[in-house]
Amino acid sequence: MKQVVPSTEYIYNVTDDGRSFVVCLKNKTCSCGRFQYEEIPCEHAWAVLKRKSLVADGYCSDLYKPKTVLKIYEIPIYPLPDVAEWVIPEYIMYDEVRPPKFKRPQGRPKNKPRSKTKRELLGLKGKHTCSTCGVAGHNRRSCRNRPQEV
């Protein structure tokens, strides 16, 4: 069950399964990102529209409306005829197609060097501390204070 809480006239806070989403009807946005990406109301925006008893048509992109879909199919698309029926101009028919002049170099492409962190740029290095004695500057393997094995 989605709980819808209005923040302002256009902004709503929708709680869904313990997660909170912010829906803005004016900008047609939701913090989940689907409302902006798909340009149709996401489930959180639907909950707000249902609570306010609004029609979703004003919040959908024109691409999804029946008028636009019908316009797409107004212009007929004819399939290509058989290869034997193709009419190819003579100046194209005898053109010689050559491969590109650029050749890819052999081997695996080189990686770009990674950018250094602020700590690396300043020359700061971390101090190693021994897990046995807790003294900085060495590790457990080179510790002189470790207990002797018998």
Protein backbone atom coordinates (compact mmCIF):
# COMPACT_ATOMS: atom_id res chain seq x y z
CA MET A 1 0.00 0.00 0.00
CA LYS A 2 1.41 3.37 -1.03
CA GLN A 3 1.02 6.26 1.36
CA VAL A 4 0.82 9.70 -0.29
CA VAL A 5 1.63 12.80 1.75
CA PRO A 6 1.42 16.25 0.09
CA SER A 7 4.37 18.60 0.66
CA THR A 8 3.23 21.49 -1.53
CA GLU A 9 0.60 21.93 -4.25
CA TYR A 10 2.69 19.96 -6.79
CA ILE A 11 5.19 17.98 -4.68
CA TYR A 12 4.20 14.77 -2.90
CA ASN A 13 6.05 12.27 -0.74
CA VAL A 14 5.08 8.66 -1.59
CA THR A 15 6.07 5.88 0.82
CA ASP A 16 6.16 2.40 -0.72
CA ASP A 17 7.37 -0.66 1.26
CA GLY A 18 9.44 1.49 3.62
CA ARG A 19 11.10 3.48 0.81
CA SER A 20 10.25 7.12 0.21
CA PHE A 21 9.91 8.78 -3.23
CA VAL A 22 9.36 12.45 -4.11
CA VAL A 23 6.94 13.12 -6.98
CA CYS A 24 6.60 16.55 -8.60
CA LEU A 25 3.59 16.76 -10.91
CA LYS A 26 4.53 20.22 -12.22
CA ASN A 27 7.93 19.06 -13.56
CA LYS A 28 6.73 15.50 -14.27
CA THR A 29 9.52 13.99 -12.16
CA CYS A 30 9.91 11.25 -9.54
CA SER A 31 12.97 10.40 -7.47
CA CYS A 32 12.85 6.81 -8.83
CA GLY A 33 13.70 8.27 -12.28
CA ARG A 34 11.15 6.29 -14.32
CA PHE A 35 8.69 9.21 -14.71
CA GLN A 36 11.36 11.33 -16.45
CA TYR A 37 12.93 8.47 -18.44
CA GLU A 38 9.80 6.80 -19.83
CA GLU A 39 7.76 10.04 -19.98
CA ILE A 40 4.72 8.26 -18.54
CA PRO A 41 3.69 8.29 -14.87
CA CYS A 42 5.49 5.70 -12.74
CA GLU A 43 3.70 3.77 -10.00
CA HIS A 44 4.44 6.54 -7.47
CA ALA A 45 3.06 9.24 -9.76
CA TRP A 46 -0.01 7.05 -10.41
CA ALA A 47 -0.65 6.90 -6.67
CA VAL A 48 -0.57 10.72 -6.50
CA LEU A 49 -2.80 11.10 -9.58
CA LYS A 50 -5.28 8.59 -8.15
CA ARG A 51 -5.36 10.40 -4.78
CA LYS A 52 -6.01 13.76 -6.47
CA SER A 53 -8.50 12.19 -8.97
CA LEU A 54 -6.55 13.56 -11.95
CA VAL A 55 -6.49 12.12 -15.47
CA ALA A 56 -3.11 10.78 -16.53
CA ASP A 57 -3.37 12.08 -20.14
CA GLY A 58 -1.81 15.42 -19.20
CA TYR A 59 1.19 13.69 -17.66
CA CYS A 60 2.00 11.33 -20.55
CA SER A 61 4.26 12.20 -23.45
CA ASP A 62 2.58 12.85 -26.82
CA LEU A 63 4.52 9.85 -28.18
CA TYR A 64 2.16 7.49 -26.38
CA LYS A 65 -1.09 9.12 -27.47
CA PRO A 66 -3.25 7.49 -30.20
CA LYS A 67 -3.05 10.52 -32.54
CA THR A 68 0.75 10.27 -32.69
CA VAL A 69 0.71 6.51 -33.24
CA LEU A 70 -1.72 6.95 -36.14
CA LYS A 71 0.49 9.67 -37.68
CA ILE A 72 3.45 7.25 -37.62
CA TYR A 73 1.58 4.83 -39.86
CA GLU A 74 0.15 7.49 -42.24
CA ILE A 75 3.08 7.24 -44.63
CA PRO A 76 3.21 3.82 -46.30
CA ILE A 77 6.48 1.90 -46.27
CA TYR A 78 6.99 -0.30 -49.31
CA PRO A 79 9.31 -3.32 -49.28
CA LEU A 80 12.30 -3.38 -51.63
CA PRO A 81 11.79 -5.19 -54.93
CA ASP A 82 13.84 -8.24 -55.91
CA VAL A 83 17.57 -7.66 -56.54
CA ALA A 84 17.07 -8.29 -60.23
CA GLU A 85 14.68 -5.31 -60.42
CA TRP A 86 17.00 -2.80 -58.76
CA VAL A 87 17.90 0.22 -60.88
CA ILE A 88 21.49 1.19 -60.07
CA PRO A 89 23.00 4.28 -61.79
CA GLU A 90 26.04 3.52 -63.94
CA TYR A 91 28.35 5.95 -62.11
CA ILE A 92 27.75 3.98 -58.92
CA MET A 93 27.77 0.55 -60.52
CA TYR A 94 31.47 0.69 -61.45
CA ASP A 95 32.78 2.56 -58.40
CA GLU A 96 35.52 0.68 -56.63
CA VAL A 97 35.01 0.44 -52.89
CA ARG A 98 38.29 0.29 -50.97
CA PRO A 99 38.90 -0.44 -47.31
CA PRO A 100 39.66 2.50 -45.01
CA LYS A 101 43.23 3.81 -44.92
CA PHE A 102 43.39 3.62 -41.13
CA LYS A 103 44.39 0.26 -39.69
CA ARG A 104 43.74 -0.74 -36.10
CA PRO A 105 46.95 -1.38 -34.19
CA GLN A 106 47.71 -4.93 -33.21
CA GLY A 107 47.10 -6.19 -29.70
CA ARG A 108 44.99 -5.09 -26.82
CA PRO A 109 44.22 -1.34 -26.59
CA LYS A 110 46.21 0.50 -23.95
CA ASN A 111 44.30 1.66 -20.89
CA LYS A 112 44.30 5.29 -19.85
CA PRO A 113 46.27 5.87 -16.66
CA ARG A 114 44.03 6.17 -13.61
CA SER A 115 43.71 9.56 -11.93
CA LYS A 116 45.58 9.84 -8.64
CA THR A 117 43.79 10.50 -5.37
CA LYS A 118 44.40 13.63 -3.33
CA ARG A 119 46.38 11.56 -0.82
CA GLU A 120 48.69 10.26 -3.58
CA LEU A 121 49.19 13.75 -5.04
CA LEU A 122 50.20 15.15 -1.64
CA GLY A 123 52.60 12.26 -1.08
CA LEU A 124 50.88 11.04 2.06
CA LYS A 125 51.40 7.37 2.75
CA GLY A 126 49.58 5.27 5.27
CA LYS A 127 51.56 3.85 8.19
CA HIS A 128 51.55 0.08 8.51
CA THR A 129 50.85 -1.14 12.01
CA CYS A 130 51.63 -4.57 13.35
CA SER A 131 48.58 -6.60 14.34
CA THR A 132 50.59 -8.41 17.03
CA CYS A 133 52.19 -5.55 18.95
CA GLY A 134 50.37 -2.49 17.49
CA VAL A 135 53.60 -0.57 16.68
CA ALA A 136 53.71 1.37 13.36
CA GLY A 137 56.35 0.74 10.70
CA HIS A 138 56.24 -3.04 10.33
CA ASN A 139 53.77 -5.89 9.94
CA ARG A 140 53.10 -9.16 11.77
CA ARG A 141 55.58 -11.20 9.71
CA SER A 142 58.53 -8.93 10.48
CA CYS A 143 57.58 -8.26 14.11
CA ARG A 144 60.45 -8.69 16.62
CA ASN A 145 58.08 -8.53 19.60
CA ARG A 146 56.00 -11.57 18.64
CA PRO A 147 55.87 -14.55 20.96
CA GLN A 148 58.41 -17.23 20.16
CA GLU A 149 57.11 -20.59 18.91
CA VAL A 150 58.35 -23.61 20.86
